[in-house]
Amino acid sequence: MSPIIRSEEGERQAIFDAARFMQVAARTAPKAYGINDIFTLIVYGEEKNAIAKVMEEIAEERKIDLFKRDAKNVRDSEAVFLIGVKGDKSTGLNCGACGYKDCKEFDGMEKRSGHDFKGPTCIFKAINFGIAIGSAVKIASILNIDNRVMYRVGTAAMKMNLIPDATIILGIPLSARGKNIYFDRIWPITSK
């Protein structure tokens, strides 16, 4: 091991360290009844580029250029933090926000794959998911790691079955550049 750590090497390692702290933040984020149905995965290298490739394939299939734009962000990132939730089982609160009479009815309903994710989803699992995402990106922000929560990355991750137990996945690409690559992106928008 060299006694010198150059910028690129140190920044790359910092991104991976931050991603590990993001996993801890997602795990320890407060959850209804303390039920933890949150899953995380750090993806880099060939696997990260495979996500970008699937995003490009989806762009072609659906004629949605924004998948291509976001795929470029994935390719240009050092790593991608994937976060998912298993939202197809209730917490037992019987709130009815899912549209069913009670949790027993919700749990008994057939769960189906939609266009990108599986549902229906328990509202408290969705809330837990949002809190975990917020906790994870807060850590990245505190550590000055550029990031952006991306729906389309999660769509590809679901298609690839990267987190098998998850019914919803979102992706958070991570980078450290002179300018945040996830904002002020110029791209011709030709579809919704």
Protein backbone atom coordinates (compact mmCIF):
# COMPACT_ATOMS: atom_id res chain seq x y z
CA MET A 1 0.00 0.00 0.00
CA SER A 2 1.30 3.38 -1.00
CA PRO A 3 1.87 5.99 1.74
CA ILE A 4 0.18 8.50 -0.59
CA ILE A 5 -3.55 8.67 -1.27
CA ARG A 6 -4.30 10.73 -4.35
CA SER A 7 -7.56 12.65 -4.84
CA GLU A 8 -9.25 10.14 -7.13
CA GLU A 9 -8.50 7.16 -4.88
CA GLY A 10 -9.49 8.97 -1.67
CA GLU A 11 -12.70 10.33 -3.19
CA ARG A 12 -13.66 6.89 -4.53
CA GLN A 13 -13.10 5.30 -1.13
CA ALA A 14 -15.08 8.09 0.54
CA ILE A 15 -18.04 7.34 -1.74
CA PHE A 16 -17.99 3.67 -0.71
CA ASP A 17 -17.62 4.60 2.97
CA ALA A 18 -20.56 7.01 2.63
CA ALA A 19 -22.64 4.30 0.95
CA ARG A 20 -22.00 1.98 3.89
CA PHE A 21 -23.06 4.73 6.32
CA MET A 22 -26.17 5.21 4.16
CA GLN A 23 -26.97 1.53 4.70
CA VAL A 24 -26.74 2.05 8.46
CA ALA A 25 -28.89 5.20 8.28
CA ALA A 26 -31.59 3.35 6.31
CA ARG A 27 -31.51 0.44 8.77
CA THR A 28 -31.75 2.60 11.88
CA ALA A 29 -34.33 5.06 10.54
CA PRO A 30 -37.50 5.05 12.69
CA LYS A 31 -40.18 2.65 11.50
CA ALA A 32 -43.80 1.94 12.47
CA TYR A 33 -43.80 -0.76 15.17
CA GLY A 34 -40.07 -1.16 14.57
CA ILE A 35 -40.84 -3.43 11.60
CA ASN A 36 -37.88 -3.34 9.25
CA ASP A 37 -38.75 -4.26 5.69
CA ILE A 38 -36.08 -2.02 4.16
CA PHE A 39 -33.30 -3.51 2.02
CA THR A 40 -30.19 -1.82 0.64
CA LEU A 41 -27.54 -2.73 -1.86
CA ILE A 42 -24.40 -0.92 -3.05
CA VAL A 43 -23.72 -1.52 -6.73
CA TYR A 44 -20.60 -0.49 -8.68
CA GLY A 45 -18.46 -1.54 -11.60
CA GLU A 46 -19.92 -3.93 -14.16
CA GLU A 47 -23.15 -4.44 -12.19
CA LYS A 48 -23.71 -0.67 -12.05
CA ASN A 49 -23.20 -0.43 -15.80
CA ALA A 50 -25.61 -3.35 -16.28
CA ILE A 51 -28.29 -1.23 -14.57
CA ALA A 52 -27.56 1.59 -17.02
CA LYS A 53 -27.85 -0.85 -19.94
CA VAL A 54 -31.27 -2.05 -18.75
CA MET A 55 -32.35 1.58 -18.36
CA GLU A 56 -31.35 2.21 -21.98
CA GLU A 57 -33.32 -0.85 -23.08
CA ILE A 58 -36.37 0.42 -21.20
CA ALA A 59 -35.92 3.81 -22.90
CA GLU A 60 -36.10 2.11 -26.29
CA GLU A 61 -39.05 -0.13 -25.36
CA ARG A 62 -41.11 2.70 -23.87
CA LYS A 63 -39.83 5.54 -26.05
CA ILE A 64 -38.92 7.55 -22.93
CA ASP A 65 -35.64 9.42 -23.37
CA LEU A 66 -35.44 10.28 -19.66
CA PHE A 67 -34.37 6.68 -18.99
CA LYS A 68 -31.36 7.32 -21.29
CA ARG A 69 -30.55 10.58 -19.52
CA ASP A 70 -30.62 8.89 -16.12
CA ALA A 71 -28.65 5.90 -17.47
CA LYS A 72 -25.86 8.33 -18.36
CA ASN A 73 -25.90 9.57 -14.75
CA VAL A 74 -25.60 5.97 -13.55
CA ARG A 75 -22.65 5.30 -15.87
CA ASP A 76 -20.96 8.53 -14.75
CA SER A 77 -21.40 7.66 -11.05
CA GLU A 78 -18.91 5.77 -8.93
CA ALA A 79 -21.63 3.67 -7.30
CA VAL A 80 -25.38 3.33 -6.98
CA PHE A 81 -27.13 2.90 -3.66
CA LEU A 82 -30.29 0.83 -4.12
CA ILE A 83 -33.00 0.94 -1.49
CA GLY A 84 -36.13 -1.16 -1.50
CA VAL A 85 -39.10 -2.00 0.66
CA LYS A 86 -41.27 -5.08 1.07
CA GLY A 87 -44.59 -3.27 1.14
CA ASP A 88 -46.97 -6.14 0.48
CA LYS A 89 -47.58 -7.11 4.12
CA SER A 90 -49.41 -4.89 6.56
CA THR A 91 -48.25 -3.52 9.89
CA GLY A 92 -51.58 -4.48 11.49
CA LEU A 93 -52.77 -0.92 12.21
CA ASN A 94 -56.08 -1.27 10.32
CA CYS A 95 -55.90 2.35 9.11
CA GLY A 96 -57.53 1.74 5.72
CA ALA A 97 -55.15 4.04 3.81
CA CYS A 98 -54.42 1.17 1.41
CA GLY A 99 -58.05 1.20 0.30
CA TYR A 100 -59.05 -1.99 2.10
CA LYS A 101 -61.33 -2.36 5.12
CA ASP A 102 -58.56 -3.58 7.39
CA CYS A 103 -55.10 -5.15 7.35
CA LYS A 104 -56.51 -8.66 7.19
CA GLU A 105 -58.30 -7.82 3.94
CA PHE A 106 -55.17 -6.11 2.56
CA ASP A 107 -52.98 -9.11 3.45
CA GLY A 108 -55.47 -11.44 1.77
CA MET A 109 -55.53 -9.54 -1.53
CA GLU A 110 -53.59 -10.76 -4.53
CA LYS A 111 -50.38 -8.78 -4.96
CA ARG A 112 -49.63 -7.95 -8.58
CA SER A 113 -46.78 -6.51 -10.59
CA GLY A 114 -47.60 -3.14 -12.07
CA HIS A 115 -45.70 -1.35 -14.80
CA ASP A 116 -42.61 -0.93 -12.60
CA PHE A 117 -43.36 -2.12 -9.07
CA LYS A 118 -45.57 -4.56 -7.14
CA GLY A 119 -48.64 -3.59 -5.18
CA PRO A 120 -50.74 -2.72 -3.42
CA THR A 121 -48.44 -1.27 -0.77
CA CYS A 122 -49.15 -0.74 2.93
CA ILE A 123 -49.05 3.02 3.54
CA PHE A 124 -46.95 2.59 6.68
CA LYS A 125 -44.37 0.55 4.75
CA ALA A 126 -44.31 3.37 2.17
CA ILE A 127 -43.86 5.94 4.94
CA ASN A 128 -41.05 3.86 6.48
CA PHE A 129 -39.47 3.68 3.02
CA GLY A 130 -39.56 7.45 2.64
CA ILE A 131 -38.04 8.00 6.08
CA ALA A 132 -35.25 5.49 5.31
CA ILE A 133 -34.53 7.19 1.99
CA GLY A 134 -34.39 10.59 3.71
CA SER A 135 -32.04 9.24 6.37
CA ALA A 136 -29.74 7.73 3.74
CA VAL A 137 -29.49 10.83 1.53
CA LYS A 138 -29.00 12.99 4.61
CA ILE A 139 -25.83 11.04 5.36
CA ALA A 140 -24.60 11.44 1.78
CA SER A 141 -25.30 15.17 1.99
CA ILE A 142 -23.53 15.57 5.32
CA LEU A 143 -20.51 13.79 3.82
CA ASN A 144 -20.63 15.99 0.67
CA ILE A 145 -21.33 13.05 -1.65
CA ASP A 146 -23.44 14.18 -4.60
CA ASN A 147 -26.58 12.10 -5.00
CA ARG A 148 -30.09 12.10 -6.36
CA VAL A 149 -33.01 9.76 -5.69
CA MET A 150 -34.06 8.25 -9.02
CA TYR A 151 -37.22 6.34 -9.83
CA ARG A 152 -35.94 5.05 -13.20
CA VAL A 153 -32.89 3.40 -11.61
CA GLY A 154 -35.29 1.49 -9.35
CA THR A 155 -37.34 0.42 -12.35
CA ALA A 156 -34.26 -1.23 -13.89
CA ALA A 157 -33.23 -2.76 -10.55
CA MET A 158 -36.70 -4.31 -10.21
CA LYS A 159 -36.51 -5.71 -13.73
CA MET A 160 -33.09 -7.20 -12.86
CA ASN A 161 -34.45 -8.61 -9.57
CA LEU A 162 -31.50 -7.12 -7.66
CA ILE A 163 -33.41 -7.03 -4.36
CA PRO A 164 -35.73 -10.05 -4.67
CA ASP A 165 -37.86 -9.32 -1.57
CA ALA A 166 -38.51 -5.68 -2.50
CA THR A 167 -41.82 -4.61 -4.03
CA ILE A 168 -40.50 -1.10 -4.72
CA ILE A 169 -36.89 -0.04 -5.35
CA LEU A 170 -35.39 3.41 -5.87
CA GLY A 171 -31.81 4.14 -6.86
CA ILE A 172 -29.46 6.79 -5.56
CA PRO A 173 -26.38 7.31 -7.76
CA LEU A 174 -23.32 8.65 -5.91
CA SER A 175 -20.44 10.76 -7.18
CA ALA A 176 -17.87 13.36 -6.14
CA ARG A 177 -17.06 15.80 -8.92
CA GLY A 178 -16.35 19.49 -9.21
CA LYS A 179 -20.03 19.96 -10.14
CA ASN A 180 -23.02 17.87 -9.13
CA ILE A 181 -23.79 15.77 -12.22
CA TYR A 182 -27.39 15.07 -11.18
CA PHE A 183 -28.72 18.61 -11.45
CA ASP A 184 -28.85 21.15 -14.28
CA ARG A 185 -28.87 18.22 -16.69
CA ILE A 186 -29.50 19.36 -20.27
CA TRP A 187 -31.48 16.83 -22.20
CA PRO A 188 -34.01 17.12 -25.00
CA ILE A 189 -37.31 16.11 -23.47
CA THR A 190 -39.34 14.34 -26.13
CA SER A 191 -41.63 12.30 -23.90
CA LYS A 192 -43.27 12.43 -20.50
